[in-house]
Amino acid sequence: MNQNLFIAFEGIDGSGKSTQAEMLAAWMESTGRKVWRTAEPTKRPVGKMIRDIFSGKQIADQKVIAGLFVADRLDHLLNEDDGMLLKLKNDFCVITDRYYLSSYAYHSVHMDMDWVIQANAMSARLLRPDVHIFIDVPPEVSMQRIQSSRSETEMYENLENLKKVRETYLLAIKKVGQTENILRFDGTMAPDQLAKQIQEAIKKLG
């Protein structure tokens, strides 16, 4: 296996992608590899602003949100202390929960997907994942998981929006499928079983 794989987990909220990213990171560390586990939005100032918008503490329209994600992602990539490019250069495997494919899916619910793709073009050129792991679940399952695990829901977390986001994820995968390494997994299976399937897929990248 390559020492510095870049792996992006994707899926609608409640798909289990964060759990699977954690499980994959733990497994990769158990094989002796250095792993940097991260997520979008980040905990930096722009990422905090995005989280405040999603939680309703601040109000912004969709183009502002899309622009904030681009800014947060570029910092995520290029930060001098713990940017993803720096970690990869230092032989870490980087695993992130969401990357630009999520922007195509979530923002394209309200905006033209080609505009969103163009807005994210710099991130896509700077660093492309070795693999996008898309965990697919029915929106109804995601909504049940969200309601059972969170005290508050974010702005996108209602059944109608989750349905739309899943549709735009599938459209985005079709649109970029010739140029991206996208693997799709059934997120309704038991977490341990899904983790094993993901591990087998990652082994093949080496």
N, C-alpha and C. Protein backbone atom coordinates (compact mmCIF):
# COMPACT_ATOMS: atom_id res chain seq x y z
N MET A 1 0.84 -1.20 0.00
CA MET A 1 0.00 0.00 0.00
C MET A 1 0.87 1.25 0.00
N ASN A 2 0.48 2.25 -0.77
CA ASN A 2 1.20 3.51 -0.77
C ASN A 2 1.22 4.13 0.62
N GLN A 3 2.31 4.80 0.96
CA GLN A 3 2.42 5.41 2.27
C GLN A 3 1.59 6.69 2.39
N ASN A 4 1.32 7.35 1.28
CA ASN A 4 0.66 8.65 1.37
C ASN A 4 -0.61 8.71 0.53
N LEU A 5 -1.50 7.77 0.75
CA LEU A 5 -2.80 7.80 0.08
C LEU A 5 -3.64 8.97 0.57
N PHE A 6 -4.44 9.52 -0.33
CA PHE A 6 -5.42 10.53 0.05
C PHE A 6 -6.81 9.96 -0.22
N ILE A 7 -7.59 9.80 0.83
CA ILE A 7 -8.89 9.12 0.76
C ILE A 7 -9.97 10.08 1.25
N ALA A 8 -11.00 10.28 0.43
CA ALA A 8 -12.10 11.16 0.80
C ALA A 8 -13.38 10.34 0.96
N PHE A 9 -14.02 10.46 2.11
CA PHE A 9 -15.31 9.81 2.36
C PHE A 9 -16.43 10.77 2.00
N GLU A 10 -17.43 10.26 1.31
CA GLU A 10 -18.57 11.06 0.87
C GLU A 10 -19.87 10.34 1.19
N GLY A 11 -20.94 11.12 1.24
CA GLY A 11 -22.27 10.57 1.49
C GLY A 11 -23.14 11.60 2.16
N ILE A 12 -24.45 11.44 2.07
CA ILE A 12 -25.35 12.38 2.72
C ILE A 12 -25.20 12.29 4.23
N ASP A 13 -25.62 13.33 4.93
CA ASP A 13 -25.55 13.32 6.39
C ASP A 13 -26.25 12.06 6.92
N GLY A 14 -25.65 11.45 7.91
CA GLY A 14 -26.24 10.25 8.49
C GLY A 14 -25.93 8.96 7.74
N SER A 15 -25.04 9.04 6.75
CA SER A 15 -24.72 7.84 5.97
C SER A 15 -23.74 6.93 6.70
N GLY A 16 -23.08 7.44 7.73
CA GLY A 16 -22.10 6.66 8.46
C GLY A 16 -20.68 6.88 7.99
N LYS A 17 -20.46 7.90 7.17
CA LYS A 17 -19.13 8.11 6.60
C LYS A 17 -18.09 8.47 7.67
N SER A 18 -18.49 9.25 8.67
CA SER A 18 -17.52 9.62 9.72
C SER A 18 -17.07 8.40 10.51
N THR A 19 -18.02 7.52 10.81
CA THR A 19 -17.68 6.29 11.53
C THR A 19 -16.73 5.44 10.71
N GLN A 20 -17.01 5.31 9.42
CA GLN A 20 -16.16 4.49 8.56
C GLN A 20 -14.79 5.11 8.37
N ALA A 21 -14.73 6.44 8.30
CA ALA A 21 -13.42 7.11 8.20
C ALA A 21 -12.58 6.84 9.44
N GLU A 22 -13.21 6.88 10.61
CA GLU A 22 -12.49 6.59 11.86
C GLU A 22 -12.01 5.14 11.88
N MET A 23 -12.87 4.22 11.45
CA MET A 23 -12.51 2.80 11.46
C MET A 23 -11.38 2.52 10.47
N LEU A 24 -11.42 3.17 9.31
CA LEU A 24 -10.35 2.97 8.34
C LEU A 24 -9.04 3.54 8.86
N ALA A 25 -9.11 4.72 9.49
CA ALA A 25 -7.89 5.32 10.04
C ALA A 25 -7.26 4.40 11.09
N ALA A 26 -8.09 3.83 11.96
CA ALA A 26 -7.57 2.94 13.00
C ALA A 26 -6.94 1.70 12.38
N TRP A 27 -7.57 1.16 11.35
CA TRP A 27 -7.02 -0.04 10.69
C TRP A 27 -5.70 0.28 10.01
N MET A 28 -5.63 1.40 9.33
CA MET A 28 -4.40 1.77 8.64
C MET A 28 -3.27 2.03 9.63
N GLU A 29 -3.59 2.65 10.76
CA GLU A 29 -2.57 2.85 11.80
C GLU A 29 -2.09 1.52 12.36
N SER A 30 -2.98 0.55 12.44
CA SER A 30 -2.59 -0.77 12.96
C SER A 30 -1.62 -1.49 12.04
N THR A 31 -1.55 -1.06 10.78
CA THR A 31 -0.60 -1.65 9.83
C THR A 31 0.74 -0.91 9.85
N GLY A 32 0.85 0.09 10.73
CA GLY A 32 2.11 0.81 10.87
C GLY A 32 2.21 2.10 10.07
N ARG A 33 1.14 2.50 9.46
CA ARG A 33 1.18 3.72 8.65
C ARG A 33 0.82 4.94 9.48
N LYS A 34 1.38 6.08 9.10
CA LYS A 34 1.00 7.35 9.71
C LYS A 34 -0.28 7.83 9.04
N VAL A 35 -1.25 8.22 9.84
CA VAL A 35 -2.54 8.62 9.30
C VAL A 35 -2.94 9.98 9.86
N TRP A 36 -3.37 10.89 8.99
CA TRP A 36 -3.93 12.17 9.40
C TRP A 36 -5.42 12.14 9.10
N ARG A 37 -6.23 12.11 10.14
CA ARG A 37 -7.69 12.05 10.01
C ARG A 37 -8.24 13.45 10.20
N THR A 38 -8.99 13.93 9.20
CA THR A 38 -9.48 15.30 9.24
C THR A 38 -10.89 15.35 8.66
N ALA A 39 -11.46 16.55 8.60
CA ALA A 39 -12.84 16.68 8.13
C ALA A 39 -13.11 18.09 7.64
N GLU A 40 -14.14 18.21 6.83
CA GLU A 40 -14.65 19.51 6.41
C GLU A 40 -16.07 19.69 6.93
N PRO A 41 -16.46 20.92 7.28
CA PRO A 41 -15.61 22.08 7.43
C PRO A 41 -14.62 21.91 8.57
N THR A 42 -13.50 22.64 8.49
CA THR A 42 -12.47 22.53 9.51
C THR A 42 -12.89 23.27 10.78
N LYS A 43 -12.02 23.23 11.78
CA LYS A 43 -12.28 23.96 13.02
C LYS A 43 -11.68 25.36 13.01
N ARG A 44 -11.19 25.78 11.86
CA ARG A 44 -10.61 27.11 11.72
C ARG A 44 -11.72 28.16 11.62
N PRO A 45 -11.35 29.47 11.58
CA PRO A 45 -12.38 30.52 11.60
C PRO A 45 -13.43 30.38 10.50
N VAL A 46 -13.02 30.10 9.26
CA VAL A 46 -14.01 29.98 8.18
C VAL A 46 -14.89 28.76 8.40
N GLY A 47 -14.27 27.66 8.81
CA GLY A 47 -15.05 26.46 9.10
C GLY A 47 -16.05 26.68 10.22
N LYS A 48 -15.64 27.43 11.23
CA LYS A 48 -16.55 27.75 12.33
C LYS A 48 -17.73 28.59 11.84
N MET A 49 -17.45 29.53 10.92
CA MET A 49 -18.52 30.34 10.35
C MET A 49 -19.52 29.47 9.60
N ILE A 50 -19.00 28.49 8.83
CA ILE A 50 -19.88 27.57 8.11
C ILE A 50 -20.76 26.80 9.08
N ARG A 51 -20.18 26.30 10.16
CA ARG A 51 -20.94 25.54 11.15
C ARG A 51 -22.00 26.43 11.82
N ASP A 52 -21.67 27.70 12.04
CA ASP A 52 -22.64 28.62 12.62
C ASP A 52 -23.81 28.85 11.68
N ILE A 53 -23.52 28.89 10.38
CA ILE A 53 -24.60 29.04 9.40
C ILE A 53 -25.48 27.79 9.39
N PHE A 54 -24.86 26.63 9.38
CA PHE A 54 -25.63 25.39 9.36
C PHE A 54 -26.50 25.22 10.60
N SER A 55 -26.01 25.73 11.72
CA SER A 55 -26.77 25.59 12.97
C SER A 55 -27.79 26.71 13.17
N GLY A 56 -27.79 27.70 12.25
CA GLY A 56 -28.75 28.78 12.34
C GLY A 56 -28.29 29.98 13.13
N LYS A 57 -27.06 29.96 13.63
CA LYS A 57 -26.55 31.10 14.40
C LYS A 57 -26.26 32.30 13.50
N GLN A 58 -25.92 32.03 12.23
CA GLN A 58 -25.73 33.09 11.25
C GLN A 58 -26.54 32.74 10.00
N ILE A 59 -26.87 33.75 9.24
CA ILE A 59 -27.67 33.57 8.03
C ILE A 59 -26.82 33.94 6.82
N ALA A 60 -26.86 33.12 5.78
CA ALA A 60 -26.14 33.42 4.54
C ALA A 60 -26.84 32.71 3.39
N ASP A 61 -26.74 33.31 2.19
CA ASP A 61 -27.33 32.64 1.04
C ASP A 61 -26.37 31.59 0.49
N GLN A 62 -26.85 30.84 -0.48
CA GLN A 62 -26.11 29.65 -0.92
C GLN A 62 -24.78 29.98 -1.56
N LYS A 63 -24.70 31.08 -2.32
CA LYS A 63 -23.43 31.42 -2.96
C LYS A 63 -22.39 31.80 -1.92
N VAL A 64 -22.81 32.46 -0.85
CA VAL A 64 -21.88 32.78 0.23
C VAL A 64 -21.37 31.49 0.87
N ILE A 65 -22.27 30.55 1.13
CA ILE A 65 -21.87 29.27 1.74
C ILE A 65 -20.90 28.54 0.83
N ALA A 66 -21.20 28.50 -0.47
CA ALA A 66 -20.31 27.82 -1.41
C ALA A 66 -18.93 28.46 -1.43
N GLY A 67 -18.90 29.79 -1.40
CA GLY A 67 -17.61 30.49 -1.38
C GLY A 67 -16.84 30.23 -0.10
N LEU A 68 -17.54 30.18 1.02
CA LEU A 68 -16.88 29.88 2.28
C LEU A 68 -16.27 28.48 2.27
N PHE A 69 -16.97 27.53 1.68
CA PHE A 69 -16.42 26.18 1.60
C PHE A 69 -15.15 26.15 0.76
N VAL A 70 -15.13 26.91 -0.34
CA VAL A 70 -13.92 26.97 -1.17
C VAL A 70 -12.76 27.53 -0.35
N ALA A 71 -13.01 28.62 0.38
CA ALA A 71 -11.96 29.23 1.19
C ALA A 71 -11.47 28.28 2.27
N ASP A 72 -12.40 27.61 2.95
CA ASP A 72 -12.03 26.67 4.01
C ASP A 72 -11.25 25.48 3.45
N ARG A 73 -11.67 25.03 2.28
CA ARG A 73 -10.99 23.87 1.68
C ARG A 73 -9.56 24.22 1.26
N LEU A 74 -9.37 25.41 0.70
CA LEU A 74 -8.02 25.80 0.30
C LEU A 74 -7.09 25.91 1.51
N ASP A 75 -7.61 26.42 2.62
CA ASP A 75 -6.81 26.45 3.85
C ASP A 75 -6.54 25.02 4.32
N HIS A 76 -7.54 24.17 4.20
CA HIS A 76 -7.41 22.76 4.56
C HIS A 76 -6.28 22.10 3.75
N LEU A 77 -6.17 22.48 2.50
CA LEU A 77 -5.15 21.93 1.61
C LEU A 77 -3.76 22.51 1.89
N LEU A 78 -3.69 23.82 2.10
CA LEU A 78 -2.42 24.53 2.00
C LEU A 78 -1.87 25.05 3.31
N ASN A 79 -2.59 24.87 4.41
CA ASN A 79 -2.13 25.44 5.67
C ASN A 79 -0.71 24.99 6.00
N GLU A 80 0.10 25.93 6.48
CA GLU A 80 1.53 25.66 6.70
C GLU A 80 1.77 24.73 7.89
N ASP A 81 0.82 24.62 8.80
CA ASP A 81 1.02 23.78 9.99
C ASP A 81 0.50 22.36 9.80
N ASP A 82 -0.70 22.24 9.27
CA ASP A 82 -1.26 20.89 9.15
C ASP A 82 -2.13 20.73 7.90
N GLY A 83 -1.76 21.43 6.84
CA GLY A 83 -2.48 21.28 5.59
C GLY A 83 -2.33 19.87 5.03
N MET A 84 -3.32 19.45 4.27
CA MET A 84 -3.31 18.07 3.77
C MET A 84 -2.14 17.81 2.82
N LEU A 85 -1.80 18.79 1.98
CA LEU A 85 -0.66 18.61 1.08
C LEU A 85 0.64 18.42 1.86
N LEU A 86 0.79 19.17 2.95
CA LEU A 86 1.98 19.02 3.79
C LEU A 86 2.02 17.65 4.44
N LYS A 87 0.89 17.18 4.92
CA LYS A 87 0.84 15.86 5.54
C LYS A 87 1.19 14.76 4.54
N LEU A 88 0.67 14.87 3.34
CA LEU A 88 0.99 13.88 2.31
C LEU A 88 2.48 13.91 1.96
N LYS A 89 3.03 15.11 1.90
CA LYS A 89 4.46 15.25 1.61
C LYS A 89 5.31 14.58 2.69
N ASN A 90 4.80 14.58 3.91
CA ASN A 90 5.52 13.97 5.04
C ASN A 90 5.11 12.52 5.27
N ASP A 91 4.60 11.88 4.21
CA ASP A 91 4.32 10.45 4.19
C ASP A 91 3.18 10.01 5.11
N PHE A 92 2.24 10.91 5.35
CA PHE A 92 1.01 10.50 6.02
C PHE A 92 0.01 10.03 4.97
N CYS A 93 -0.83 9.09 5.36
CA CYS A 93 -2.07 8.85 4.63
C CYS A 93 -3.10 9.82 5.19
N VAL A 94 -3.79 10.54 4.33
CA VAL A 94 -4.78 11.52 4.75
C VAL A 94 -6.17 10.99 4.46
N ILE A 95 -7.02 10.98 5.49
CA ILE A 95 -8.40 10.55 5.35
C ILE A 95 -9.28 11.71 5.76
N THR A 96 -10.12 12.18 4.84
CA THR A 96 -10.99 13.30 5.15
C THR A 96 -12.45 12.92 4.99
N ASP A 97 -13.27 13.47 5.86
CA ASP A 97 -14.71 13.32 5.78
C ASP A 97 -15.23 14.48 4.95
N ARG A 98 -15.54 14.21 3.70
CA ARG A 98 -15.98 15.17 2.69
C ARG A 98 -14.81 15.87 2.01
N TYR A 99 -15.05 16.13 0.72
CA TYR A 99 -14.10 16.91 -0.05
C TYR A 99 -14.92 17.63 -1.11
N TYR A 100 -14.37 17.97 -2.27
CA TYR A 100 -15.13 18.82 -3.18
C TYR A 100 -16.34 18.13 -3.79
N LEU A 101 -16.37 16.79 -3.84
CA LEU A 101 -17.55 16.10 -4.36
C LEU A 101 -18.79 16.43 -3.53
N SER A 102 -18.59 16.63 -2.23
CA SER A 102 -19.73 16.99 -1.37
C SER A 102 -20.27 18.38 -1.73
N SER A 103 -19.37 19.29 -2.14
CA SER A 103 -19.83 20.61 -2.57
C SER A 103 -20.70 20.49 -3.81
N TYR A 104 -20.27 19.65 -4.76
CA TYR A 104 -21.08 19.45 -5.95
C TYR A 104 -22.49 18.99 -5.57
N ALA A 105 -22.56 18.08 -4.60
CA ALA A 105 -23.85 17.49 -4.23
C ALA A 105 -24.70 18.46 -3.42
N TYR A 106 -24.14 19.02 -2.35
CA TYR A 106 -24.94 19.85 -1.45
C TYR A 106 -25.28 21.20 -2.06
N HIS A 107 -24.31 21.85 -2.67
CA HIS A 107 -24.58 23.20 -3.18
C HIS A 107 -25.41 23.17 -4.46
N SER A 108 -25.32 22.08 -5.21
CA SER A 108 -26.07 22.00 -6.47
C SER A 108 -27.55 21.76 -6.25
N VAL A 109 -27.95 21.53 -5.00
CA VAL A 109 -29.38 21.49 -4.70
C VAL A 109 -30.01 22.84 -5.01
N HIS A 110 -29.25 23.93 -4.82
CA HIS A 110 -29.78 25.28 -4.98
C HIS A 110 -29.14 26.05 -6.12
N MET A 111 -28.05 25.53 -6.68
CA MET A 111 -27.32 26.28 -7.69
C MET A 111 -26.95 25.38 -8.86
N ASP A 112 -26.50 25.99 -9.94
CA ASP A 112 -26.08 25.24 -11.11
C ASP A 112 -24.81 24.43 -10.79
N MET A 113 -24.82 23.13 -11.08
CA MET A 113 -23.69 22.28 -10.73
C MET A 113 -22.42 22.70 -11.45
N ASP A 114 -22.52 23.13 -12.69
CA ASP A 114 -21.32 23.56 -13.41
C ASP A 114 -20.67 24.76 -12.72
N TRP A 115 -21.49 25.67 -12.17
CA TRP A 115 -20.94 26.80 -11.42
C TRP A 115 -20.20 26.30 -10.19
N VAL A 116 -20.79 25.34 -9.49
CA VAL A 116 -20.16 24.80 -8.28
C VAL A 116 -18.85 24.11 -8.63
N ILE A 117 -18.84 23.33 -9.69
CA ILE A 117 -17.63 22.64 -10.12
C ILE A 117 -16.54 23.65 -10.47
N GLN A 118 -16.93 24.72 -11.17
CA GLN A 118 -15.94 25.74 -11.53
C GLN A 118 -15.39 26.43 -10.29
N ALA A 119 -16.27 26.70 -9.32
CA ALA A 119 -15.83 27.35 -8.09
C ALA A 119 -14.83 26.50 -7.33
N ASN A 120 -14.95 25.19 -7.47
CA ASN A 120 -14.06 24.26 -6.76
C ASN A 120 -12.90 23.78 -7.62
N ALA A 121 -12.74 24.38 -8.81
CA ALA A 121 -11.74 23.88 -9.75
C ALA A 121 -10.32 23.93 -9.19
N MET A 122 -9.99 24.97 -8.43
CA MET A 122 -8.63 25.07 -7.89
C MET A 122 -8.34 23.93 -6.92
N SER A 123 -9.29 23.63 -6.05
CA SER A 123 -9.11 22.51 -5.12
C SER A 123 -8.94 21.20 -5.88
N ALA A 124 -9.74 21.03 -6.91
CA ALA A 124 -9.67 19.80 -7.69
C ALA A 124 -8.34 19.65 -8.40
N ARG A 125 -7.76 20.77 -8.84
CA ARG A 125 -6.47 20.71 -9.51
C ARG A 125 -5.33 20.50 -8.51
N LEU A 126 -5.43 21.13 -7.35
CA LEU A 126 -4.36 21.03 -6.37
C LEU A 126 -4.21 19.63 -5.81
N LEU A 127 -5.31 18.98 -5.53
CA LEU A 127 -5.23 17.66 -4.92
C LEU A 127 -6.48 16.85 -5.25
N ARG A 128 -6.28 15.76 -5.96
CA ARG A 128 -7.36 14.83 -6.26
C ARG A 128 -7.21 13.60 -5.38
N PRO A 129 -8.30 13.12 -4.82
CA PRO A 129 -8.20 11.91 -4.00
C PRO A 129 -7.73 10.70 -4.80
N ASP A 130 -6.98 9.82 -4.14
CA ASP A 130 -6.70 8.52 -4.74
C ASP A 130 -7.99 7.74 -4.89
N VAL A 131 -8.92 7.98 -3.95
CA VAL A 131 -10.22 7.33 -4.04
C VAL A 131 -11.25 8.15 -3.26
N HIS A 132 -12.43 8.31 -3.87
CA HIS A 132 -13.60 8.80 -3.16
C HIS A 132 -14.39 7.57 -2.71
N ILE A 133 -14.67 7.45 -1.45
CA ILE A 133 -15.50 6.36 -0.94
C ILE A 133 -16.89 6.94 -0.67
N PHE A 134 -17.84 6.58 -1.53
CA PHE A 134 -19.20 7.09 -1.41
C PHE A 134 -20.05 6.04 -0.72
N ILE A 135 -20.55 6.38 0.47
CA ILE A 135 -21.39 5.46 1.24
C ILE A 135 -22.84 5.85 1.00
N ASP A 136 -23.56 4.98 0.33
CA ASP A 136 -24.92 5.29 -0.11
C ASP A 136 -25.95 4.63 0.81
N VAL A 137 -26.88 5.42 1.28
CA VAL A 137 -28.00 4.91 2.08
C VAL A 137 -29.27 5.63 1.66
N PRO A 138 -30.43 5.01 1.85
CA PRO A 138 -31.68 5.72 1.60
C PRO A 138 -31.81 6.93 2.53
N PRO A 139 -32.31 8.04 2.04
CA PRO A 139 -32.45 9.22 2.90
C PRO A 139 -33.25 8.95 4.17
N GLU A 140 -34.24 8.05 4.09
CA GLU A 140 -35.03 7.74 5.28
C GLU A 140 -34.16 7.14 6.37
N VAL A 141 -33.20 6.31 5.98
CA VAL A 141 -32.28 5.71 6.95
C VAL A 141 -31.38 6.79 7.56
N SER A 142 -30.89 7.68 6.71
CA SER A 142 -30.04 8.76 7.20
C SER A 142 -30.79 9.63 8.21
N MET A 143 -32.04 9.96 7.88
CA MET A 143 -32.82 10.82 8.77
C MET A 143 -33.04 10.15 10.11
N GLN A 144 -33.32 8.85 10.11
CA GLN A 144 -33.50 8.12 11.37
C GLN A 144 -32.23 8.16 12.20
N ARG A 145 -31.09 8.00 11.56
CA ARG A 145 -29.80 8.02 12.27
C ARG A 145 -29.53 9.40 12.85
N ILE A 146 -29.80 10.44 12.07
CA ILE A 146 -29.58 11.81 12.54
C ILE A 146 -30.44 12.10 13.76
N GLN A 147 -31.72 11.74 13.67
CA GLN A 147 -32.65 12.03 14.76
C GLN A 147 -32.32 11.25 16.03
N SER A 148 -31.73 10.09 15.87
CA SER A 148 -31.42 9.27 17.04
C SER A 148 -30.08 9.62 17.68
N SER A 149 -29.24 10.38 16.96
CA SER A 149 -27.89 10.63 17.47
C SER A 149 -27.57 12.10 17.74
N ARG A 150 -28.46 13.01 17.37
CA ARG A 150 -28.16 14.43 17.51
C ARG A 150 -29.28 15.15 18.25
N SER A 151 -28.87 16.08 19.09
CA SER A 151 -29.85 16.89 19.81
C SER A 151 -30.44 17.98 18.92
N GLU A 152 -29.66 18.44 17.93
CA GLU A 152 -30.12 19.45 16.99
C GLU A 152 -29.78 19.02 15.57
N THR A 153 -30.61 19.42 14.63
CA THR A 153 -30.32 19.14 13.22
C THR A 153 -29.84 20.42 12.55
N GLU A 154 -29.06 20.24 11.47
CA GLU A 154 -28.54 21.37 10.73
C GLU A 154 -29.47 21.69 9.56
N MET A 155 -29.15 22.75 8.83
CA MET A 155 -30.07 23.31 7.85
C MET A 155 -30.44 22.32 6.74
N TYR A 156 -29.53 21.42 6.37
CA TYR A 156 -29.82 20.48 5.31
C TYR A 156 -30.50 19.21 5.82
N GLU A 157 -30.59 19.06 7.11
CA GLU A 157 -30.96 17.77 7.67
C GLU A 157 -32.47 17.63 7.87
N ASN A 158 -33.17 17.57 6.75
CA ASN A 158 -34.56 17.14 6.74
C ASN A 158 -34.72 16.19 5.57
N LEU A 159 -35.77 15.40 5.59
CA LEU A 159 -35.88 14.31 4.63
C LEU A 159 -35.90 14.80 3.19
N GLU A 160 -36.61 15.88 2.92
CA GLU A 160 -36.70 16.37 1.55
C GLU A 160 -35.33 16.81 1.03
N ASN A 161 -34.58 17.52 1.84
CA ASN A 161 -33.25 17.95 1.42
C ASN A 161 -32.30 16.77 1.24
N LEU A 162 -32.37 15.79 2.15
CA LEU A 162 -31.50 14.62 2.01
C LEU A 162 -31.79 13.87 0.73
N LYS A 163 -33.06 13.81 0.34
CA LYS A 163 -33.41 13.17 -0.94
C LYS A 163 -32.78 13.93 -2.11
N LYS A 164 -32.89 15.26 -2.06
CA LYS A 164 -32.33 16.08 -3.14
C LYS A 164 -30.81 15.95 -3.19
N VAL A 165 -30.17 15.97 -2.01
CA VAL A 165 -28.71 15.89 -1.97
C VAL A 165 -28.24 14.55 -2.51
N ARG A 166 -28.93 13.47 -2.13
CA ARG A 166 -28.54 12.15 -2.67
C ARG A 166 -28.64 12.15 -4.20
N GLU A 167 -29.71 12.72 -4.74
CA GLU A 167 -29.88 12.78 -6.19
C GLU A 167 -28.74 13.56 -6.84
N THR A 168 -28.34 14.67 -6.23
CA THR A 168 -27.26 15.46 -6.82
C THR A 168 -25.90 14.78 -6.62
N TYR A 169 -25.74 14.02 -5.54
CA TYR A 169 -24.52 13.20 -5.41
C TYR A 169 -24.43 12.24 -6.60
N LEU A 170 -25.51 11.54 -6.89
CA LEU A 170 -25.50 10.57 -7.99
C LEU A 170 -25.25 11.27 -9.33
N LEU A 171 -25.81 12.46 -9.48
CA LEU A 171 -25.56 13.23 -10.70
C LEU A 171 -24.10 13.65 -10.78
N ALA A 172 -23.54 14.10 -9.64
CA ALA A 172 -22.14 14.51 -9.61
C ALA A 172 -21.22 13.34 -9.92
N ILE A 173 -21.52 12.18 -9.35
CA ILE A 173 -20.70 10.98 -9.62
C ILE A 173 -20.74 10.65 -11.10
N LYS A 174 -21.91 10.74 -11.71
CA LYS A 174 -22.03 10.47 -13.14
C LYS A 174 -21.25 11.51 -13.95
N LYS A 175 -21.30 12.75 -13.50
CA LYS A 175 -20.68 13.85 -14.24
C LYS A 175 -19.16 13.77 -14.22
N VAL A 176 -18.60 13.36 -13.09
CA VAL A 176 -17.14 13.33 -12.96
C VAL A 176 -16.60 11.91 -12.96
N GLY A 177 -17.46 10.95 -13.22
CA GLY A 177 -17.07 9.55 -13.08
C GLY A 177 -15.95 9.08 -13.99
N GLN A 178 -15.72 9.79 -15.09
CA GLN A 178 -14.65 9.39 -16.00
C GLN A 178 -13.28 9.86 -15.52
N THR A 179 -13.24 10.80 -14.60
CA THR A 179 -11.97 11.38 -14.20
C THR A 179 -11.65 11.17 -12.72
N GLU A 180 -12.58 10.64 -11.94
CA GLU A 180 -12.37 10.45 -10.51
C GLU A 180 -12.47 8.97 -10.17
N ASN A 181 -11.72 8.57 -9.16
CA ASN A 181 -11.79 7.19 -8.68
C ASN A 181 -12.84 7.15 -7.57
N ILE A 182 -14.06 6.78 -7.93
CA ILE A 182 -15.18 6.81 -7.00
C ILE A 182 -15.67 5.38 -6.77
N LEU A 183 -15.65 4.94 -5.53
CA LEU A 183 -16.15 3.62 -5.16
C LEU A 183 -17.42 3.80 -4.34
N ARG A 184 -18.45 3.06 -4.69
CA ARG A 184 -19.75 3.20 -4.03
C ARG A 184 -20.02 1.96 -3.18
N PHE A 185 -20.43 2.20 -1.93
CA PHE A 185 -20.69 1.12 -0.98
C PHE A 185 -22.10 1.24 -0.41
N ASP A 186 -22.67 0.09 -0.05
CA ASP A 186 -23.98 0.03 0.57
C ASP A 186 -23.84 0.34 2.06
N GLY A 187 -24.32 1.50 2.47
CA GLY A 187 -24.18 1.92 3.85
C GLY A 187 -25.20 1.33 4.80
N THR A 188 -26.10 0.48 4.30
CA THR A 188 -27.10 -0.11 5.19
C THR A 188 -26.59 -1.39 5.85
N MET A 189 -25.45 -1.91 5.40
CA MET A 189 -24.92 -3.13 6.02
C MET A 189 -24.31 -2.80 7.38
N ALA A 190 -24.02 -3.84 8.16
CA ALA A 190 -23.43 -3.65 9.48
C ALA A 190 -22.10 -2.91 9.36
N PRO A 191 -21.80 -1.98 10.28
CA PRO A 191 -20.58 -1.19 10.18
C PRO A 191 -19.31 -2.02 10.05
N ASP A 192 -19.18 -3.10 10.78
CA ASP A 192 -17.97 -3.92 10.70
C ASP A 192 -17.85 -4.59 9.33
N GLN A 193 -18.97 -5.02 8.79
CA GLN A 193 -18.95 -5.64 7.46
C GLN A 193 -18.57 -4.62 6.40
N LEU A 194 -19.14 -3.43 6.51
CA LEU A 194 -18.80 -2.37 5.56
C LEU A 194 -17.33 -1.99 5.68
N ALA A 195 -16.82 -1.90 6.91
CA ALA A 195 -15.41 -1.55 7.12
C ALA A 195 -14.49 -2.55 6.44
N LYS A 196 -14.83 -3.83 6.50
CA LYS A 196 -14.00 -4.86 5.86
C LYS A 196 -14.00 -4.68 4.34
N GLN A 197 -15.15 -4.35 3.78
CA GLN A 197 -15.20 -4.14 2.33
C GLN A 197 -14.35 -2.94 1.92
N ILE A 198 -14.41 -1.89 2.72
CA ILE A 198 -13.61 -0.70 2.42
C ILE A 198 -12.12 -1.01 2.55
N GLN A 199 -11.75 -1.75 3.58
CA GLN A 199 -10.35 -2.14 3.75
C GLN A 199 -9.84 -2.93 2.55
N GLU A 200 -10.65 -3.86 2.07
CA GLU A 200 -10.25 -4.65 0.90
C GLU A 200 -10.05 -3.76 -0.32
N ALA A 201 -10.92 -2.77 -0.48
CA ALA A 201 -10.78 -1.84 -1.61
C ALA A 201 -9.50 -1.02 -1.49
N ILE A 202 -9.16 -0.59 -0.28
CA ILE A 202 -7.97 0.21 -0.07
C ILE A 202 -6.72 -0.62 -0.30
N LYS A 203 -6.74 -1.88 0.09
CA LYS A 203 -5.58 -2.76 -0.13
C LYS A 203 -5.24 -2.82 -1.62
N LYS A 204 -6.24 -2.77 -2.48
CA LYS A 204 -6.01 -2.89 -3.90
C LYS A 204 -5.32 -1.66 -4.50
N LEU A 205 -5.35 -0.54 -3.76
CA LEU A 205 -4.72 0.68 -4.26
C LEU A 205 -3.20 0.62 -4.15
N GLY A 206 -2.69 -0.30 -3.28
CA GLY A 206 -1.24 -0.37 -3.05
C GLY A 206 -0.49 -1.02 -4.19
